Amino acid sequence: YYADSVKGRFTISKDNPKNTIYLQMNSLKAEDTAMYYCA
């Protein structure tokens, strides 16, 4: 589930062997400025 504000611009992916989650952020806007947390 994506927030409406990032749909079409952000994509989450997972690399299970590496136990890593990625967040690809494209077409970034000034309003995307923030501290980002994984949870």
Full PDB file with SEQRES, HELIX, SHEET, SSBOND, CRYST1, ORIGX, SCALE, CONECT and MASTER records, all heavy atoms in Angstrom:
SEQRES   1 A   39  TYR TYR ALA ASP SER VAL LYS GLY ARG PHE THR ILE SER          
SEQRES   2 A   39  LYS ASP ASN PRO LYS ASN THR ILE TYR LEU GLN MET ASN          
SEQRES   3 A   39  SER LEU LYS ALA GLU ASP THR ALA MET TYR TYR CYS ALA          
HELIX    1 AA1 ASN A   16  LYS A   18  5                                   3    
HELIX    2 AA2 ALA A   30  ASP A   32  5                                   3    
SHEET    1 AA1 2 PHE A  10  ASP A  15  0                                        
SHEET    2 AA1 2 THR A  20  MET A  25 -1                                        
CRYST1    1.000    1.000    1.000  90.00  90.00  90.00 P 1           1          
ORIGX1      1.000000  0.000000  0.000000        0.00000                         
ORIGX2      0.000000  1.000000  0.000000        0.00000                         
ORIGX3      0.000000  0.000000  1.000000        0.00000                         
SCALE1      1.000000  0.000000  0.000000        0.00000                         
SCALE2      0.000000  1.000000  0.000000        0.00000                         
SCALE3      0.000000  0.000000  1.000000        0.00000                         
ATOM      1  N   TYR A   1       0.848  -1.192   0.000  1.00  0.00           N  
ATOM      2  CA  TYR A   1       0.000   0.000   0.000  1.00  0.00           C  
ATOM      3  C   TYR A   1       0.888   1.248   0.000  1.00  0.00           C  
ATOM      4  O   TYR A   1       1.780   1.370   0.836  1.00  0.00           O  
ATOM      5  CB  TYR A   1      -0.919   0.000   1.225  1.00  0.00           C  
ATOM      6  CG  TYR A   1      -1.839  -1.193   1.260  1.00  0.00           C  
ATOM      7  CD1 TYR A   1      -1.441  -2.378   1.868  1.00  0.00           C  
ATOM      8  CD2 TYR A   1      -3.095  -1.136   0.671  1.00  0.00           C  
ATOM      9  CE1 TYR A   1      -2.275  -3.478   1.884  1.00  0.00           C  
ATOM     10  CE2 TYR A   1      -3.931  -2.243   0.684  1.00  0.00           C  
ATOM     11  CZ  TYR A   1      -3.515  -3.409   1.282  1.00  0.00           C  
ATOM     12  OH  TYR A   1      -4.335  -4.502   1.286  1.00  0.00           O  
ATOM     13  N   TYR A   2       0.599   2.147  -0.913  1.00  0.00           N  
ATOM     14  CA  TYR A   2       1.349   3.394  -1.026  1.00  0.00           C  
ATOM     15  C   TYR A   2       0.463   4.571  -0.616  1.00  0.00           C  
ATOM     16  O   TYR A   2      -0.736   4.588  -0.881  1.00  0.00           O  
ATOM     17  CB  TYR A   2       1.807   3.633  -2.464  1.00  0.00           C  
ATOM     18  CG  TYR A   2       2.885   2.695  -2.950  1.00  0.00           C  
ATOM     19  CD1 TYR A   2       2.566   1.490  -3.556  1.00  0.00           C  
ATOM     20  CD2 TYR A   2       4.227   3.028  -2.806  1.00  0.00           C  
ATOM     21  CE1 TYR A   2       3.553   0.622  -4.005  1.00  0.00           C  
ATOM     22  CE2 TYR A   2       5.224   2.176  -3.260  1.00  0.00           C  
ATOM     23  CZ  TYR A   2       4.878   0.979  -3.856  1.00  0.00           C  
ATOM     24  OH  TYR A   2       5.866   0.134  -4.297  1.00  0.00           O  
ATOM     25  N   ALA A   3       1.082   5.569  -0.040  1.00  0.00           N  
ATOM     26  CA  ALA A   3       0.380   6.825   0.202  1.00  0.00           C  
ATOM     27  C   ALA A   3       0.070   7.470  -1.152  1.00  0.00           C  
ATOM     28  O   ALA A   3       0.858   7.354  -2.101  1.00  0.00           O  
ATOM     29  CB  ALA A   3       1.242   7.760   1.034  1.00  0.00           C  
ATOM     30  N   ASP A   4      -1.072   8.137  -1.233  1.00  0.00           N  
ATOM     31  CA  ASP A   4      -1.466   8.776  -2.488  1.00  0.00           C  
ATOM     32  C   ASP A   4      -0.401   9.757  -2.985  1.00  0.00           C  
ATOM     33  O   ASP A   4      -0.196   9.911  -4.182  1.00  0.00           O  
ATOM     34  CB  ASP A   4      -2.802   9.503  -2.310  1.00  0.00           C  
ATOM     35  CG  ASP A   4      -3.962   8.546  -2.174  1.00  0.00           C  
ATOM     36  OD1 ASP A   4      -3.819   7.359  -2.556  1.00  0.00           O  
ATOM     37  OD2 ASP A   4      -5.023   8.974  -1.678  1.00  0.00           O  
ATOM     38  N   SER A   5       0.264  10.397  -2.047  1.00  0.00           N  
ATOM     39  CA  SER A   5       1.232  11.428  -2.407  1.00  0.00           C  
ATOM     40  C   SER A   5       2.474  10.884  -3.118  1.00  0.00           C  
ATOM     41  O   SER A   5       3.215  11.659  -3.731  1.00  0.00           O  
ATOM     42  CB  SER A   5       1.663  12.196  -1.153  1.00  0.00           C  
ATOM     43  OG  SER A   5       2.236  11.309  -0.210  1.00  0.00           O  
ATOM     44  N   VAL A   6       2.696   9.564  -3.033  1.00  0.00           N  
ATOM     45  CA  VAL A   6       3.904   9.001  -3.644  1.00  0.00           C  
ATOM     46  C   VAL A   6       3.603   7.971  -4.721  1.00  0.00           C  
ATOM     47  O   VAL A   6       4.528   7.467  -5.371  1.00  0.00           O  
ATOM     48  CB  VAL A   6       4.828   8.365  -2.579  1.00  0.00           C  
ATOM     49  CG1 VAL A   6       5.140   9.363  -1.472  1.00  0.00           C  
ATOM     50  CG2 VAL A   6       4.226   7.089  -2.005  1.00  0.00           C  
ATOM     51  N   LYS A   7       2.343   7.660  -4.926  1.00  0.00           N  
ATOM     52  CA  LYS A   7       1.976   6.664  -5.939  1.00  0.00           C  
ATOM     53  C   LYS A   7       2.495   7.083  -7.308  1.00  0.00           C  
ATOM     54  O   LYS A   7       2.351   8.231  -7.714  1.00  0.00           O  
ATOM     55  CB  LYS A   7       0.460   6.500  -5.985  1.00  0.00           C  
ATOM     56  CG  LYS A   7      -0.101   5.642  -4.871  1.00  0.00           C  
ATOM     57  CD  LYS A   7      -1.619   5.507  -5.000  1.00  0.00           C  
ATOM     58  CE  LYS A   7      -2.184   4.674  -3.872  1.00  0.00           C  
ATOM     59  NZ  LYS A   7      -3.668   4.586  -3.929  1.00  0.00           N  
ATOM     60  N   GLY A   8       3.081   6.119  -7.999  1.00  0.00           N  
ATOM     61  CA  GLY A   8       3.616   6.394  -9.317  1.00  0.00           C  
ATOM     62  C   GLY A   8       5.016   6.959  -9.303  1.00  0.00           C  
ATOM     63  O   GLY A   8       5.654   7.052 -10.360  1.00  0.00           O  
ATOM     64  N   ARG A   9       5.497   7.362  -8.126  1.00  0.00           N  
ATOM     65  CA  ARG A   9       6.847   7.934  -8.032  1.00  0.00           C  
ATOM     66  C   ARG A   9       7.779   7.067  -7.185  1.00  0.00           C  
ATOM     67  O   ARG A   9       8.972   6.992  -7.462  1.00  0.00           O  
ATOM     68  CB  ARG A   9       6.786   9.331  -7.428  1.00  0.00           C  
ATOM     69  CG  ARG A   9       5.946  10.316  -8.218  1.00  0.00           C  
ATOM     70  CD  ARG A   9       6.099  11.735  -7.668  1.00  0.00           C  
ATOM     71  NE  ARG A   9       5.630  11.862  -6.292  1.00  0.00           N  
ATOM     72  CZ  ARG A   9       6.383  12.284  -5.283  1.00  0.00           C  
ATOM     73  NH1 ARG A   9       7.662  12.619  -5.484  1.00  0.00           N  
ATOM     74  NH2 ARG A   9       5.885  12.367  -4.053  1.00  0.00           N  
ATOM     75  N   PHE A  10       7.249   6.448  -6.146  1.00  0.00           N  
ATOM     76  CA  PHE A  10       8.049   5.629  -5.237  1.00  0.00           C  
ATOM     77  C   PHE A  10       7.725   4.158  -5.463  1.00  0.00           C  
ATOM     78  O   PHE A  10       6.571   3.797  -5.726  1.00  0.00           O  
ATOM     79  CB  PHE A  10       7.749   5.974  -3.785  1.00  0.00           C  
ATOM     80  CG  PHE A  10       8.225   7.317  -3.327  1.00  0.00           C  
ATOM     81  CD1 PHE A  10       8.675   8.289  -4.222  1.00  0.00           C  
ATOM     82  CD2 PHE A  10       8.226   7.642  -1.978  1.00  0.00           C  
ATOM     83  CE1 PHE A  10       9.115   9.525  -3.795  1.00  0.00           C  
ATOM     84  CE2 PHE A  10       8.663   8.873  -1.532  1.00  0.00           C  
ATOM     85  CZ  PHE A  10       9.098   9.821  -2.445  1.00  0.00           C  
ATOM     86  N   THR A  11       8.741   3.317  -5.321  1.00  0.00           N  
ATOM     87  CA  THR A  11       8.554   1.877  -5.461  1.00  0.00           C  
ATOM     88  C   THR A  11       9.346   1.152  -4.387  1.00  0.00           C  
ATOM     89  O   THR A  11      10.540   1.409  -4.212  1.00  0.00           O  
ATOM     90  CB  THR A  11       9.024   1.389  -6.842  1.00  0.00           C  
ATOM     91  OG1 THR A  11       8.339   2.114  -7.870  1.00  0.00           O  
ATOM     92  CG2 THR A  11       8.738  -0.097  -7.010  1.00  0.00           C  
ATOM     93  N   ILE A  12       8.690   0.242  -3.704  1.00  0.00           N  
ATOM     94  CA  ILE A  12       9.367  -0.566  -2.698  1.00  0.00           C  
ATOM     95  C   ILE A  12       9.750  -1.910  -3.315  1.00  0.00           C  
ATOM     96  O   ILE A  12       9.035  -2.433  -4.164  1.00  0.00           O  
ATOM     97  CB  ILE A  12       8.479  -0.777  -1.452  1.00  0.00           C  
ATOM     98  CG1 ILE A  12       9.295  -1.340  -0.288  1.00  0.00           C  
ATOM     99  CG2 ILE A  12       7.284  -1.653  -1.776  1.00  0.00           C  
ATOM    100  CD1 ILE A  12       8.541  -1.332   1.042  1.00  0.00           C  
ATOM    101  N   SER A  13      10.904  -2.421  -2.926  1.00  0.00           N  
ATOM    102  CA  SER A  13      11.329  -3.736  -3.388  1.00  0.00           C  
ATOM    103  C   SER A  13      12.092  -4.431  -2.265  1.00  0.00           C  
ATOM    104  O   SER A  13      12.517  -3.781  -1.304  1.00  0.00           O  
ATOM    105  CB  SER A  13      12.198  -3.629  -4.636  1.00  0.00           C  
ATOM    106  OG  SER A  13      13.373  -2.890  -4.369  1.00  0.00           O  
ATOM    107  N   LYS A  14      12.225  -5.744  -2.399  1.00  0.00           N  
ATOM    108  CA  LYS A  14      12.866  -6.532  -1.365  1.00  0.00           C  
ATOM    109  C   LYS A  14      13.907  -7.457  -1.972  1.00  0.00           C  
ATOM    110  O   LYS A  14      13.670  -8.058  -3.016  1.00  0.00           O  
ATOM    111  CB  LYS A  14      11.819  -7.364  -0.609  1.00  0.00           C  
ATOM    112  CG  LYS A  14      10.820  -6.536   0.180  1.00  0.00           C  
ATOM    113  CD  LYS A  14       9.514  -7.298   0.379  1.00  0.00           C  
ATOM    114  CE  LYS A  14       8.603  -7.132  -0.810  1.00  0.00           C  
ATOM    115  NZ  LYS A  14       7.296  -7.808  -0.637  1.00  0.00           N  
ATOM    116  N   ASP A  15      15.018  -7.562  -1.312  1.00  0.00           N  
ATOM    117  CA  ASP A  15      16.056  -8.529  -1.685  1.00  0.00           C  
ATOM    118  C   ASP A  15      16.141  -9.507  -0.522  1.00  0.00           C  
ATOM    119  O   ASP A  15      16.826  -9.256   0.470  1.00  0.00           O  
ATOM    120  CB  ASP A  15      17.387  -7.816  -1.913  1.00  0.00           C  
ATOM    121  CG  ASP A  15      18.461  -8.755  -2.452  1.00  0.00           C  
ATOM    122  OD1 ASP A  15      18.389  -9.974  -2.151  1.00  0.00           O  
ATOM    123  OD2 ASP A  15      19.359  -8.273  -3.147  1.00  0.00           O  
ATOM    124  N   ASN A  16      15.409 -10.606  -0.628  1.00  0.00           N  
ATOM    125  CA  ASN A  16      15.321 -11.531   0.492  1.00  0.00           C  
ATOM    126  C   ASN A  16      16.660 -12.140   0.903  1.00  0.00           C  
ATOM    127  O   ASN A  16      16.950 -12.220   2.099  1.00  0.00           O  
ATOM    128  CB  ASN A  16      14.300 -12.625   0.180  1.00  0.00           C  
ATOM    129  CG  ASN A  16      12.888 -12.081   0.153  1.00  0.00           C  
ATOM    130  OD1 ASN A  16      12.554 -11.123   0.860  1.00  0.00           O  
ATOM    131  ND2 ASN A  16      12.037 -12.660  -0.667  1.00  0.00           N  
ATOM    132  N   PRO A  17      17.507 -12.577  -0.041  1.00  0.00           N  
ATOM    133  CA  PRO A  17      18.803 -13.138   0.384  1.00  0.00           C  
ATOM    134  C   PRO A  17      19.647 -12.144   1.174  1.00  0.00           C  
ATOM    135  O   PRO A  17      20.412 -12.541   2.046  1.00  0.00           O  
ATOM    136  CB  PRO A  17      19.469 -13.519  -0.933  1.00  0.00           C  
ATOM    137  CG  PRO A  17      18.342 -13.747  -1.872  1.00  0.00           C  
ATOM    138  CD  PRO A  17      17.318 -12.712  -1.480  1.00  0.00           C  
ATOM    139  N   LYS A  18      19.503 -10.863   0.854  1.00  0.00           N  
ATOM    140  CA  LYS A  18      20.284  -9.839   1.562  1.00  0.00           C  
ATOM    141  C   LYS A  18      19.532  -9.263   2.751  1.00  0.00           C  
ATOM    142  O   LYS A  18      20.057  -8.392   3.447  1.00  0.00           O  
ATOM    143  CB  LYS A  18      20.657  -8.707   0.599  1.00  0.00           C  
ATOM    144  CG  LYS A  18      21.623  -9.112  -0.502  1.00  0.00           C  
ATOM    145  CD  LYS A  18      22.009  -7.900  -1.337  1.00  0.00           C  
ATOM    146  CE  LYS A  18      23.029  -8.272  -2.411  1.00  0.00           C  
ATOM    147  NZ  LYS A  18      23.413  -7.104  -3.247  1.00  0.00           N  
ATOM    148  N   ASN A  19      18.295  -9.708   2.969  1.00  0.00           N  
ATOM    149  CA  ASN A  19      17.482  -9.149   4.053  1.00  0.00           C  
ATOM    150  C   ASN A  19      17.463  -7.623   3.990  1.00  0.00           C  
ATOM    151  O   ASN A  19      17.681  -6.939   5.001  1.00  0.00           O  
ATOM    152  CB  ASN A  19      18.007  -9.596   5.417  1.00  0.00           C  
ATOM    153  CG  ASN A  19      17.574 -11.010   5.753  1.00  0.00           C  
ATOM    154  OD1 ASN A  19      16.680 -11.563   5.132  1.00  0.00           O  
ATOM    155  ND2 ASN A  19      18.213 -11.589   6.739  1.00  0.00           N  
ATOM    156  N   THR A  20      17.213  -7.111   2.815  1.00  0.00           N  
ATOM    157  CA  THR A  20      17.223  -5.666   2.615  1.00  0.00           C  
ATOM    158  C   THR A  20      15.966  -5.232   1.879  1.00  0.00           C  
ATOM    159  O   THR A  20      15.509  -5.911   0.955  1.00  0.00           O  
ATOM    160  CB  THR A  20      18.468  -5.227   1.830  1.00  0.00           C  
ATOM    161  OG1 THR A  20      19.649  -5.642   2.535  1.00  0.00           O  
ATOM    162  CG2 THR A  20      18.499  -3.718   1.653  1.00  0.00           C  
ATOM    163  N   ILE A  21      15.433  -4.105   2.318  1.00  0.00           N  
ATOM    164  CA  ILE A  21      14.273  -3.505   1.672  1.00  0.00           C  
ATOM    165  C   ILE A  21      14.714  -2.174   1.080  1.00  0.00           C  
ATOM    166  O   ILE A  21      15.461  -1.422   1.716  1.00  0.00           O  
ATOM    167  CB  ILE A  21      13.153  -3.279   2.696  1.00  0.00           C  
ATOM    168  CG1 ILE A  21      12.703  -4.616   3.276  1.00  0.00           C  
ATOM    169  CG2 ILE A  21      11.965  -2.559   2.071  1.00  0.00           C  
ATOM    170  CD1 ILE A  21      11.831  -4.461   4.493  1.00  0.00           C  
ATOM    171  N   TYR A  22      14.263  -1.901  -0.131  1.00  0.00           N  
ATOM    172  CA  TYR A  22      14.653  -0.682  -0.816  1.00  0.00           C  
ATOM    173  C   TYR A  22      13.425   0.194  -1.069  1.00  0.00           C  
ATOM    174  O   TYR A  22      12.315  -0.297  -1.236  1.00  0.00           O  
ATOM    175  CB  TYR A  22      15.310  -1.003  -2.157  1.00  0.00           C  
ATOM    176  CG  TYR A  22      16.538  -1.879  -2.038  1.00  0.00           C  
ATOM    177  CD1 TYR A  22      16.462  -3.250  -2.276  1.00  0.00           C  
ATOM    178  CD2 TYR A  22      17.767  -1.339  -1.683  1.00  0.00           C  
ATOM    179  CE1 TYR A  22      17.583  -4.061  -2.165  1.00  0.00           C  
ATOM    180  CE2 TYR A  22      18.895  -2.135  -1.569  1.00  0.00           C  
ATOM    181  CZ  TYR A  22      18.799  -3.490  -1.813  1.00  0.00           C  
ATOM    182  OH  TYR A  22      19.912  -4.277  -1.694  1.00  0.00           O  
ATOM    183  N   LEU A  23      13.665   1.481  -1.115  1.00  0.00           N  
ATOM    184  CA  LEU A  23      12.635   2.429  -1.519  1.00  0.00           C  
ATOM    185  C   LEU A  23      13.229   3.289  -2.624  1.00  0.00           C  
ATOM    186  O   LEU A  23      14.088   4.140  -2.366  1.00  0.00           O  
ATOM    187  CB  LEU A  23      12.185   3.302  -0.347  1.00  0.00           C  
ATOM    188  CG  LEU A  23      11.069   4.288  -0.684  1.00  0.00           C  
ATOM    189  CD1 LEU A  23       9.784   3.537  -1.055  1.00  0.00           C  
ATOM    190  CD2 LEU A  23      10.792   5.244   0.482  1.00  0.00           C  
ATOM    191  N   GLN A  24      12.796   3.031  -3.851  1.00  0.00           N  
ATOM    192  CA  GLN A  24      13.233   3.831  -4.990  1.00  0.00           C  
ATOM    193  C   GLN A  24      12.319   5.040  -5.101  1.00  0.00           C  
ATOM    194  O   GLN A  24      11.103   4.882  -5.230  1.00  0.00           O  
ATOM    195  CB  GLN A  24      13.184   3.011  -6.285  1.00  0.00           C  
ATOM    196  CG  GLN A  24      13.589   3.771  -7.515  1.00  0.00           C  
ATOM    197  CD  GLN A  24      15.053   4.168  -7.504  1.00  0.00           C  
ATOM    198  OE1 GLN A  24      15.921   3.379  -7.142  1.00  0.00           O  
ATOM    199  NE2 GLN A  24      15.338   5.404  -7.910  1.00  0.00           N  
ATOM    200  N   MET A  25      12.917   6.221  -5.049  1.00  0.00           N  
ATOM    201  CA  MET A  25      12.137   7.454  -5.067  1.00  0.00           C  
ATOM    202  C   MET A  25      12.520   8.255  -6.308  1.00  0.00           C  
ATOM    203  O   MET A  25      13.679   8.672  -6.450  1.00  0.00           O  
ATOM    204  CB  MET A  25      12.414   8.268  -3.806  1.00  0.00           C  
ATOM    205  CG  MET A  25      12.160   7.490  -2.523  1.00  0.00           C  
ATOM    206  SD  MET A  25      12.312   8.496  -1.033  1.00  0.00           S  
ATOM    207  CE  MET A  25      14.033   8.952  -1.113  1.00  0.00           C  
ATOM    208  N   ASN A  26      11.568   8.427  -7.191  1.00  0.00           N  
ATOM    209  CA  ASN A  26      11.782   9.175  -8.429  1.00  0.00           C  
ATOM    210  C   ASN A  26      10.925  10.430  -8.448  1.00  0.00           C  
ATOM    211  O   ASN A  26       9.984  10.562  -7.666  1.00  0.00           O  
ATOM    212  CB  ASN A  26      11.437   8.311  -9.639  1.00  0.00           C  
ATOM    213  CG  ASN A  26      12.297   7.061  -9.738  1.00  0.00           C  
ATOM    214  OD1 ASN A  26      13.465   7.074  -9.357  1.00  0.00           O  
ATOM    215  ND2 ASN A  26      11.724   5.985 -10.244  1.00  0.00           N  
ATOM    216  N   SER A  27      11.259  11.338  -9.339  1.00  0.00           N  
ATOM    217  CA  SER A  27      10.499  12.587  -9.485  1.00  0.00           C  
ATOM    218  C   SER A  27      10.285  13.258  -8.139  1.00  0.00           C  
ATOM    219  O   SER A  27       9.167  13.657  -7.795  1.00  0.00           O  
ATOM    220  CB  SER A  27       9.151  12.301 -10.158  1.00  0.00           C  
ATOM    221  OG  SER A  27       9.335  11.699 -11.423  1.00  0.00           O  
ATOM    222  N   LEU A  28      11.340  13.368  -7.388  1.00  0.00           N  
ATOM    223  CA  LEU A  28      11.239  13.909  -6.040  1.00  0.00           C  
ATOM    224  C   LEU A  28      10.798  15.366  -6.054  1.00  0.00           C  
ATOM    225  O   LEU A  28      11.146  16.143  -6.950  1.00  0.00           O  
ATOM    226  CB  LEU A  28      12.571  13.765  -5.312  1.00  0.00           C  
ATOM    227  CG  LEU A  28      12.849  12.347  -4.797  1.00  0.00           C  
ATOM    228  CD1 LEU A  28      14.328  12.152  -4.504  1.00  0.00           C  
ATOM    229  CD2 LEU A  28      12.020  12.061  -3.560  1.00  0.00           C  
ATOM    230  N   LYS A  29      10.025  15.712  -5.029  1.00  0.00           N  
ATOM    231  CA  LYS A  29       9.498  17.064  -4.862  1.00  0.00           C  
ATOM    232  C   LYS A  29       9.995  17.644  -3.542  1.00  0.00           C  
ATOM    233  O   LYS A  29      10.380  16.898  -2.640  1.00  0.00           O  
ATOM    234  CB  LYS A  29       7.979  17.028  -4.855  1.00  0.00           C  
ATOM    235  CG  LYS A  29       7.341  16.359  -6.065  1.00  0.00           C  
ATOM    236  CD  LYS A  29       5.841  16.278  -5.900  1.00  0.00           C  
ATOM    237  CE  LYS A  29       5.182  15.579  -7.084  1.00  0.00           C  
ATOM    238  NZ  LYS A  29       3.701  15.483  -6.923  1.00  0.00           N  
ATOM    239  N   ALA A  30       9.931  18.946  -3.438  1.00  0.00           N  
ATOM    240  CA  ALA A  30      10.366  19.583  -2.199  1.00  0.00           C  
ATOM    241  C   ALA A  30       9.586  19.059  -0.999  1.00  0.00           C  
ATOM    242  O   ALA A  30      10.142  18.913   0.099  1.00  0.00           O  
ATOM    243  CB  ALA A  30      10.207  21.098  -2.324  1.00  0.00           C  
ATOM    244  N   GLU A  31       8.319  18.740  -1.209  1.00  0.00           N  
ATOM    245  CA  GLU A  31       7.496  18.246  -0.106  1.00  0.00           C  
ATOM    246  C   GLU A  31       7.835  16.829   0.325  1.00  0.00           C  
ATOM    247  O   GLU A  31       7.283  16.327   1.308  1.00  0.00           O  
ATOM    248  CB  GLU A  31       5.999  18.352  -0.452  1.00  0.00           C  
ATOM    249  CG  GLU A  31       5.622  17.750  -1.783  1.00  0.00           C  
ATOM    250  CD  GLU A  31       5.554  18.787  -2.889  1.00  0.00           C  
ATOM    251  OE1 GLU A  31       6.448  19.674  -2.961  1.00  0.00           O  
ATOM    252  OE2 GLU A  31       4.595  18.718  -3.683  1.00  0.00           O  
ATOM    253  N   ASP A  32       8.728  16.167  -0.393  1.00  0.00           N  
ATOM    254  CA  ASP A  32       9.211  14.854   0.036  1.00  0.00           C  
ATOM    255  C   ASP A  32      10.331  14.980   1.076  1.00  0.00           C  
ATOM    256  O   ASP A  32      10.774  13.977   1.635  1.00  0.00           O  
ATOM    257  CB  ASP A  32       9.740  14.052  -1.159  1.00  0.00           C  
ATOM    258  CG  ASP A  32       8.648  13.691  -2.146  1.00  0.00           C  
ATOM    259  OD1 ASP A  32       7.541  13.329  -1.705  1.00  0.00           O  
ATOM    260  OD2 ASP A  32       8.910  13.777  -3.366  1.00  0.00           O  
ATOM    261  N   THR A  33      10.783  16.182   1.321  1.00  0.00           N  
ATOM    262  CA  THR A  33      11.841  16.401   2.299  1.00  0.00           C  
ATOM    263  C   THR A  33      11.381  15.958   3.680  1.00  0.00           C  
ATOM    264  O   THR A  33      10.349  16.398   4.176  1.00  0.00           O  
ATOM    265  CB  THR A  33      12.230  17.889   2.343  1.00  0.00           C  
ATOM    266  OG1 THR A  33      12.809  18.261   1.088  1.00  0.00           O  
ATOM    267  CG2 THR A  33      13.228  18.162   3.461  1.00  0.00           C  
ATOM    268  N   ALA A  34      12.122  15.056   4.281  1.00  0.00           N  
ATOM    269  CA  ALA A  34      11.758  14.508   5.586  1.00  0.00           C  
ATOM    270  C   ALA A  34      12.836  13.530   6.041  1.00  0.00           C  
ATOM    271  O   ALA A  34      13.724  13.160   5.271  1.00  0.00           O  
ATOM    272  CB  ALA A  34      10.419  13.771   5.508  1.00  0.00           C  
ATOM    273  N   MET A  35      12.718  13.113   7.298  1.00  0.00           N  
ATOM    274  CA  MET A  35      13.499  11.978   7.789  1.00  0.00           C  
ATOM    275  C   MET A  35      12.697  10.730   7.448  1.00  0.00           C  
ATOM    276  O   MET A  35      11.502  10.661   7.763  1.00  0.00           O  
ATOM    277  CB  MET A  35      13.712  12.098   9.291  1.00  0.00           C  
ATOM    278  CG  MET A  35      14.597  11.013   9.868  1.00  0.00           C  
ATOM    279  SD  MET A  35      16.322  11.214   9.404  1.00  0.00           S  
ATOM    280  CE  MET A  35      16.804  12.502  10.561  1.00  0.00           C  
ATOM    281  N   TYR A  36      13.339   9.768   6.822  1.00  0.00           N  
ATOM    282  CA  TYR A  36      12.672   8.541   6.413  1.00  0.00           C  
ATOM    283  C   TYR A  36      13.086   7.393   7.330  1.00  0.00           C  
ATOM    284  O   TYR A  36      14.282   7.198   7.589  1.00  0.00           O  
ATOM    285  CB  TYR A  36      13.009   8.217   4.963  1.00  0.00           C  
ATOM    286  CG  TYR A  36      12.250   9.067   3.976  1.00  0.00           C  
ATOM    287  CD1 TYR A  36      12.538  10.423   3.836  1.00  0.00           C  
ATOM    288  CD2 TYR A  36      11.216   8.538   3.211  1.00  0.00           C  
ATOM    289  CE1 TYR A  36      11.832  11.226   2.963  1.00  0.00           C  
ATOM    290  CE2 TYR A  36      10.503   9.332   2.319  1.00  0.00           C  
ATOM    291  CZ  TYR A  36      10.815  10.675   2.199  1.00  0.00           C  
ATOM    292  OH  TYR A  36      10.104  11.461   1.324  1.00  0.00           O  
ATOM    293  N   TYR A  37      12.088   6.644   7.772  1.00  0.00           N  
ATOM    294  CA  TYR A  37      12.302   5.548   8.697  1.00  0.00           C  
ATOM    295  C   TYR A  37      11.769   4.237   8.132  1.00  0.00           C  
ATOM    296  O   TYR A  37      10.709   4.206   7.504  1.00  0.00           O  
ATOM    297  CB  TYR A  37      11.588   5.802  10.019  1.00  0.00           C  
ATOM    298  CG  TYR A  37      12.023   7.029  10.761  1.00  0.00           C  
ATOM    299  CD1 TYR A  37      11.396   8.262  10.545  1.00  0.00           C  
ATOM    300  CD2 TYR A  37      13.046   6.981  11.699  1.00  0.00           C  
ATOM    301  CE1 TYR A  37      11.788   9.397  11.233  1.00  0.00           C  
ATOM    302  CE2 TYR A  37      13.440   8.113  12.408  1.00  0.00           C  
ATOM    303  CZ  TYR A  37      12.813   9.312  12.156  1.00  0.00           C  
ATOM    304  OH  TYR A  37      13.201  10.430  12.847  1.00  0.00           O  
ATOM    305  N   CYS A  38      12.495   3.186   8.402  1.00  0.00           N  
ATOM    306  CA  CYS A  38      12.033   1.836   8.115  1.00  0.00           C  
ATOM    307  C   CYS A  38      11.470   1.270   9.418  1.00  0.00           C  
ATOM    308  O   CYS A  38      12.026   1.526  10.503  1.00  0.00           O  
ATOM    309  CB  CYS A  38      13.224   1.010   7.626  1.00  0.00           C  
ATOM    310  SG  CYS A  38      12.859  -0.685   7.192  1.00  0.00           S  
ATOM    311  N   ALA A  39      10.392   0.504   9.333  1.00  0.00           N  
ATOM    312  CA  ALA A  39       9.764  -0.004  10.551  1.00  0.00           C  
ATOM    313  C   ALA A  39       9.196  -1.393  10.318  1.00  0.00           C  
ATOM    314  O   ALA A  39       8.875  -1.771   9.180  1.00  0.00           O  
ATOM    315  CB  ALA A  39       8.665   0.942  11.011  1.00  0.00           C  
TER     316      ALA A  39                                                      
MASTER        0    0    0    2    2    0    0    6  315    1    0    3          
END                                                                             
